[in-house]
Amino acid sequence: MFGDRLPITIEPYKLARDAGVIEGDIPLEKCQRVLDALASEQGHCHVRLEFDIDPQRIRFVRGTLKGQLQVHCQRCMQPMPFEIDGEFLLAIASSDEAAANLPKQYEPLIVEDEKLELLPVIEDEILLTLPITSYHDESECSVTSEMLVSGDVEEAQPETKPENPFSVLQQLKEKR
């Protein structure tokens, strides 16, 4: 185990062979690709990575992410807290061909040489954990549902049945 700080690069094949564990916190301000999806760069994410080899001799990484982030409410565009609590299972593969042959329970992690930069992997997993859209509860949001209605609501018009485009053919058939 490495302390509270995560290493910049790791040797995943060696860690899997040794059943290594890496655990620590990463400040959100270091996750540049994630910052666009957040309302604030304040906070951190706790990461735990367990490396091992399964019975099929596949090297894998079982990971967890935990953290309190600030995302934008899509209704009022104000910051709101969002707790991430994600798990992932990655198989270490040396090429795209090897990744294509992995069992379905694994997502591939392509490692072409002995070392791997850890931050992009963590950023990917944080991005996958974030919600597509986020909203405050209506009771907590500064924008009410009445504010979301635009224009006048017209009275419902009775539906008129559209003319059948084949009615001309029907008339020709009846003339026979």
C-alpha atoms as a PDB file:
ATOM      1  CA  MET A   1       0.000   0.000   0.000  1.00  0.00           C
ATOM      2  CA  PHE A   2       1.232   3.517  -0.845  1.00  0.00           C
ATOM      3  CA  GLY A   3       0.238   6.280   1.645  1.00  0.00           C
ATOM      4  CA  ASP A   4      -2.408   8.944   1.186  1.00  0.00           C
ATOM      5  CA  ARG A   5      -0.908  10.207  -2.063  1.00  0.00           C
ATOM      6  CA  LEU A   6      -1.384   8.234  -5.234  1.00  0.00           C
ATOM      7  CA  PRO A   7       1.655   7.623  -7.430  1.00  0.00           C
ATOM      8  CA  ILE A   8       1.829   9.311 -10.837  1.00  0.00           C
ATOM      9  CA  THR A   9       2.859   6.160 -12.683  1.00  0.00           C
ATOM     10  CA  ILE A  10       2.467   2.535 -11.710  1.00  0.00           C
ATOM     11  CA  GLU A  11       3.625  -0.854 -12.965  1.00  0.00           C
ATOM     12  CA  PRO A  12       0.290  -2.723 -13.246  1.00  0.00           C
ATOM     13  CA  TYR A  13       1.740  -6.083 -14.337  1.00  0.00           C
ATOM     14  CA  LYS A  14       4.041  -6.126 -11.325  1.00  0.00           C
ATOM     15  CA  LEU A  15       1.256  -4.961  -8.981  1.00  0.00           C
ATOM     16  CA  ALA A  16      -1.047  -7.731 -10.265  1.00  0.00           C
ATOM     17  CA  ARG A  17       1.666 -10.344  -9.795  1.00  0.00           C
ATOM     18  CA  ASP A  18       2.205  -9.152  -6.210  1.00  0.00           C
ATOM     19  CA  ALA A  19      -1.529  -8.659  -5.444  1.00  0.00           C
ATOM     20  CA  GLY A  20      -0.758  -5.027  -4.684  1.00  0.00           C
ATOM     21  CA  VAL A  21      -3.120  -2.411  -3.340  1.00  0.00           C
ATOM     22  CA  ILE A  22      -2.936   1.322  -3.952  1.00  0.00           C
ATOM     23  CA  GLU A  23      -5.126   3.638  -1.921  1.00  0.00           C
ATOM     24  CA  GLY A  24      -5.196   7.372  -1.534  1.00  0.00           C
ATOM     25  CA  ASP A  25      -6.877  10.676  -2.232  1.00  0.00           C
ATOM     26  CA  ILE A  26      -6.638  12.724  -5.381  1.00  0.00           C
ATOM     27  CA  PRO A  27      -7.508  16.446  -5.324  1.00  0.00           C
ATOM     28  CA  LEU A  28     -10.135  17.318  -7.926  1.00  0.00           C
ATOM     29  CA  GLU A  29      -8.073  20.295  -9.058  1.00  0.00           C
ATOM     30  CA  LYS A  30      -5.575  17.811 -10.562  1.00  0.00           C
ATOM     31  CA  CYS A  31      -8.311  16.136 -12.654  1.00  0.00           C
ATOM     32  CA  GLN A  32      -8.382  18.647 -15.520  1.00  0.00           C
ATOM     33  CA  ARG A  33     -10.665  16.561 -17.757  1.00  0.00           C
ATOM     34  CA  VAL A  34     -13.227  16.229 -14.946  1.00  0.00           C
ATOM     35  CA  LEU A  35     -13.322  19.937 -14.022  1.00  0.00           C
ATOM     36  CA  ASP A  36     -15.501  20.862 -17.042  1.00  0.00           C
ATOM     37  CA  ALA A  37     -18.286  18.667 -15.646  1.00  0.00           C
ATOM     38  CA  LEU A  38     -18.055  20.109 -12.120  1.00  0.00           C
ATOM     39  CA  ALA A  39     -19.269  23.330 -10.526  1.00  0.00           C
ATOM     40  CA  SER A  40     -16.203  23.578  -8.291  1.00  0.00           C
ATOM     41  CA  GLU A  41     -12.692  22.196  -8.191  1.00  0.00           C
ATOM     42  CA  GLN A  42     -12.847  21.981  -4.403  1.00  0.00           C
ATOM     43  CA  GLY A  43     -12.790  18.529  -2.865  1.00  0.00           C
ATOM     44  CA  HIS A  44     -11.101  15.223  -3.438  1.00  0.00           C
ATOM     45  CA  CYS A  45     -11.842  11.679  -4.471  1.00  0.00           C
ATOM     46  CA  HIS A  46     -10.710   8.655  -2.477  1.00  0.00           C
ATOM     47  CA  VAL A  47      -9.403   5.880  -4.726  1.00  0.00           C
ATOM     48  CA  ARG A  48      -8.668   2.252  -3.877  1.00  0.00           C
ATOM     49  CA  LEU A  49      -7.148  -0.050  -6.490  1.00  0.00           C
ATOM     50  CA  GLU A  50      -6.649  -3.770  -5.867  1.00  0.00           C
ATOM     51  CA  PHE A  51      -4.501  -5.618  -8.398  1.00  0.00           C
ATOM     52  CA  ASP A  52      -4.609  -9.389  -8.809  1.00  0.00           C
ATOM     53  CA  ILE A  53      -4.678 -12.325 -11.242  1.00  0.00           C
ATOM     54  CA  ASP A  54      -7.871 -14.351 -11.695  1.00  0.00           C
ATOM     55  CA  PRO A  55      -8.048 -18.163 -12.193  1.00  0.00           C
ATOM     56  CA  GLN A  56      -7.946 -17.652 -15.998  1.00  0.00           C
ATOM     57  CA  ARG A  57      -4.573 -15.877 -15.562  1.00  0.00           C
ATOM     58  CA  ILE A  58      -6.083 -12.486 -16.441  1.00  0.00           C
ATOM     59  CA  ARG A  59      -4.473  -9.585 -14.620  1.00  0.00           C
ATOM     60  CA  PHE A  60      -7.121  -7.239 -13.304  1.00  0.00           C
ATOM     61  CA  VAL A  61      -7.753  -4.112 -11.247  1.00  0.00           C
ATOM     62  CA  ARG A  62     -10.752  -3.842  -8.922  1.00  0.00           C
ATOM     63  CA  GLY A  63     -11.299  -0.214  -8.009  1.00  0.00           C
ATOM     64  CA  THR A  64     -13.540   1.973  -5.910  1.00  0.00           C
ATOM     65  CA  LEU A  65     -14.095   5.736  -5.985  1.00  0.00           C
ATOM     66  CA  LYS A  66     -15.669   7.761  -3.201  1.00  0.00           C
ATOM     67  CA  GLY A  67     -16.018  11.492  -2.974  1.00  0.00           C
ATOM     68  CA  GLN A  68     -18.228  14.518  -2.522  1.00  0.00           C
ATOM     69  CA  LEU A  69     -18.308  16.724  -5.631  1.00  0.00           C
ATOM     70  CA  GLN A  70     -20.150  19.860  -6.712  1.00  0.00           C
ATOM     71  CA  VAL A  71     -22.087  19.566  -9.993  1.00  0.00           C
ATOM     72  CA  HIS A  72     -24.443  22.011 -11.710  1.00  0.00           C
ATOM     73  CA  CYS A  73     -28.198  21.674 -11.251  1.00  0.00           C
ATOM     74  CA  GLN A  74     -29.548  21.602 -14.812  1.00  0.00           C
ATOM     75  CA  ARG A  75     -32.661  23.518 -13.754  1.00  0.00           C
ATOM     76  CA  CYS A  76     -31.147  26.522 -11.918  1.00  0.00           C
ATOM     77  CA  MET A  77     -27.436  26.127 -12.889  1.00  0.00           C
ATOM     78  CA  GLN A  78     -26.414  26.517  -9.236  1.00  0.00           C
ATOM     79  CA  PRO A  79     -23.893  24.176  -7.590  1.00  0.00           C
ATOM     80  CA  MET A  80     -25.264  21.150  -5.820  1.00  0.00           C
ATOM     81  CA  PRO A  81     -23.521  18.361  -3.937  1.00  0.00           C
ATOM     82  CA  PHE A  82     -23.193  14.962  -5.561  1.00  0.00           C
ATOM     83  CA  GLU A  83     -21.673  11.946  -3.883  1.00  0.00           C
ATOM     84  CA  ILE A  84     -19.821   9.513  -6.076  1.00  0.00           C
ATOM     85  CA  ASP A  85     -19.513   5.954  -4.899  1.00  0.00           C
ATOM     86  CA  GLY A  86     -18.399   3.860  -7.829  1.00  0.00           C
ATOM     87  CA  GLU A  87     -16.818   0.502  -8.456  1.00  0.00           C
ATOM     88  CA  PHE A  88     -15.084  -0.765 -11.562  1.00  0.00           C
ATOM     89  CA  LEU A  89     -13.330  -3.890 -12.783  1.00  0.00           C
ATOM     90  CA  LEU A  90     -10.596  -3.515 -15.404  1.00  0.00           C
ATOM     91  CA  ALA A  91      -8.551  -6.225 -17.094  1.00  0.00           C
ATOM     92  CA  ILE A  92      -5.002  -5.325 -18.032  1.00  0.00           C
ATOM     93  CA  ALA A  93      -4.456  -5.987 -21.733  1.00  0.00           C
ATOM     94  CA  SER A  94      -1.346  -5.408 -23.822  1.00  0.00           C
ATOM     95  CA  SER A  95      -3.170  -4.623 -27.092  1.00  0.00           C
ATOM     96  CA  ASP A  96      -6.576  -4.054 -28.672  1.00  0.00           C
ATOM     97  CA  GLU A  97      -6.569  -7.669 -29.907  1.00  0.00           C
ATOM     98  CA  ALA A  98      -5.997  -8.971 -26.376  1.00  0.00           C
ATOM     99  CA  ALA A  99      -8.715  -6.621 -25.078  1.00  0.00           C
ATOM    100  CA  ALA A 100     -11.217  -7.987 -27.611  1.00  0.00           C
ATOM    101  CA  ASN A 101     -10.783 -11.501 -26.162  1.00  0.00           C
ATOM    102  CA  LEU A 102     -11.470 -10.565 -22.536  1.00  0.00           C
ATOM    103  CA  PRO A 103     -14.471 -11.983 -20.655  1.00  0.00           C
ATOM    104  CA  LYS A 104     -17.471  -9.647 -20.568  1.00  0.00           C
ATOM    105  CA  GLN A 105     -17.211  -8.833 -16.850  1.00  0.00           C
ATOM    106  CA  TYR A 106     -14.025  -6.850 -17.524  1.00  0.00           C
ATOM    107  CA  GLU A 107     -13.526  -3.466 -19.117  1.00  0.00           C
ATOM    108  CA  PRO A 108     -10.162  -3.352 -20.896  1.00  0.00           C
ATOM    109  CA  LEU A 109      -7.241  -1.285 -19.642  1.00  0.00           C
ATOM    110  CA  ILE A 110      -4.655  -1.135 -22.413  1.00  0.00           C
ATOM    111  CA  VAL A 111      -1.099  -1.093 -21.032  1.00  0.00           C
ATOM    112  CA  GLU A 112       1.371  -1.298 -23.910  1.00  0.00           C
ATOM    113  CA  ASP A 113       4.546  -1.119 -21.853  1.00  0.00           C
ATOM    114  CA  GLU A 114       5.382  -1.834 -18.227  1.00  0.00           C
ATOM    115  CA  LYS A 115       4.300   1.555 -16.857  1.00  0.00           C
ATOM    116  CA  LEU A 116       0.918   3.266 -16.770  1.00  0.00           C
ATOM    117  CA  GLU A 117       0.046   6.860 -15.961  1.00  0.00           C
ATOM    118  CA  LEU A 118      -2.600   6.577 -13.247  1.00  0.00           C
ATOM    119  CA  LEU A 119      -4.385   9.954 -13.432  1.00  0.00           C
ATOM    120  CA  PRO A 120      -6.085   9.434 -16.860  1.00  0.00           C
ATOM    121  CA  VAL A 121      -7.488   6.089 -15.677  1.00  0.00           C
ATOM    122  CA  ILE A 122      -8.936   7.687 -12.536  1.00  0.00           C
ATOM    123  CA  GLU A 123     -10.329  10.620 -14.528  1.00  0.00           C
ATOM    124  CA  ASP A 124     -12.076   8.201 -16.910  1.00  0.00           C
ATOM    125  CA  GLU A 125     -13.685   6.353 -14.025  1.00  0.00           C
ATOM    126  CA  ILE A 126     -14.819   9.581 -12.319  1.00  0.00           C
ATOM    127  CA  LEU A 127     -16.380  10.787 -15.586  1.00  0.00           C
ATOM    128  CA  LEU A 128     -18.218   7.480 -15.987  1.00  0.00           C
ATOM    129  CA  THR A 129     -19.576   7.802 -12.443  1.00  0.00           C
ATOM    130  CA  LEU A 130     -20.966  11.335 -12.881  1.00  0.00           C
ATOM    131  CA  PRO A 131     -24.668  11.682 -13.709  1.00  0.00           C
ATOM    132  CA  ILE A 132     -25.705  12.684 -17.223  1.00  0.00           C
ATOM    133  CA  THR A 133     -28.037  15.283 -15.731  1.00  0.00           C
ATOM    134  CA  SER A 134     -28.442  16.459 -12.161  1.00  0.00           C
ATOM    135  CA  TYR A 135     -31.242  18.367 -10.466  1.00  0.00           C
ATOM    136  CA  HIS A 136     -31.937  19.704  -7.009  1.00  0.00           C
ATOM    137  CA  ASP A 137     -35.091  18.404  -5.389  1.00  0.00           C
ATOM    138  CA  GLU A 138     -37.891  20.789  -6.428  1.00  0.00           C
ATOM    139  CA  SER A 139     -38.225  21.940  -2.813  1.00  0.00           C
ATOM    140  CA  GLU A 140     -34.532  22.948  -2.760  1.00  0.00           C
ATOM    141  CA  CYS A 141     -34.264  24.455  -6.253  1.00  0.00           C
ATOM    142  CA  SER A 142     -34.597  28.192  -6.861  1.00  0.00           C
ATOM    143  CA  VAL A 143     -36.411  27.469 -10.156  1.00  0.00           C
ATOM    144  CA  THR A 144     -39.972  26.230  -9.753  1.00  0.00           C
ATOM    145  CA  SER A 145     -41.891  24.149 -12.258  1.00  0.00           C
ATOM    146  CA  GLU A 146     -44.131  27.152 -13.004  1.00  0.00           C
ATOM    147  CA  MET A 147     -41.050  29.088 -14.115  1.00  0.00           C
ATOM    148  CA  LEU A 148     -40.215  26.396 -16.642  1.00  0.00           C
ATOM    149  CA  VAL A 149     -43.454  26.860 -18.634  1.00  0.00           C
ATOM    150  CA  SER A 150     -42.899  29.132 -21.618  1.00  0.00           C
ATOM    151  CA  GLY A 151     -45.604  31.032 -23.481  1.00  0.00           C
ATOM    152  CA  ASP A 152     -49.347  30.610 -23.253  1.00  0.00           C
ATOM    153  CA  VAL A 153     -50.783  27.185 -23.080  1.00  0.00           C
ATOM    154  CA  GLU A 154     -53.282  26.927 -25.927  1.00  0.00           C
ATOM    155  CA  GLU A 155     -56.565  25.197 -25.422  1.00  0.00           C
ATOM    156  CA  ALA A 156     -56.576  21.695 -26.707  1.00  0.00           C
ATOM    157  CA  GLN A 157     -57.865  21.552 -30.251  1.00  0.00           C
ATOM    158  CA  PRO A 158     -59.934  18.567 -31.259  1.00  0.00           C
ATOM    159  CA  GLU A 159     -57.859  16.248 -33.334  1.00  0.00           C
ATOM    160  CA  THR A 160     -58.785  16.212 -36.997  1.00  0.00           C
ATOM    161  CA  LYS A 161     -58.253  13.019 -38.838  1.00  0.00           C
ATOM    162  CA  PRO A 162     -55.731  13.534 -41.644  1.00  0.00           C
ATOM    163  CA  GLU A 163     -56.896  12.743 -45.132  1.00  0.00           C
ATOM    164  CA  ASN A 164     -55.854   9.320 -46.336  1.00  0.00           C
ATOM    165  CA  PRO A 165     -53.373   9.765 -49.222  1.00  0.00           C
ATOM    166  CA  PHE A 166     -54.692   6.594 -50.819  1.00  0.00           C
ATOM    167  CA  SER A 167     -58.316   7.743 -50.917  1.00  0.00           C
ATOM    168  CA  VAL A 168     -57.948   8.582 -54.627  1.00  0.00           C
ATOM    169  CA  LEU A 169     -56.950   4.994 -55.312  1.00  0.00           C
ATOM    170  CA  GLN A 170     -59.914   3.782 -53.271  1.00  0.00           C
ATOM    171  CA  GLN A 171     -62.242   5.910 -55.434  1.00  0.00           C
ATOM    172  CA  LEU A 172     -60.743   4.484 -58.637  1.00  0.00           C
ATOM    173  CA  LYS A 173     -61.197   0.972 -57.328  1.00  0.00           C
ATOM    174  CA  GLU A 174     -64.849   1.627 -56.515  1.00  0.00           C
ATOM    175  CA  LYS A 175     -65.546   2.919 -60.073  1.00  0.00           C
ATOM    176  CA  ARG A 176     -64.698  -0.467 -61.577  1.00  0.00           C
END
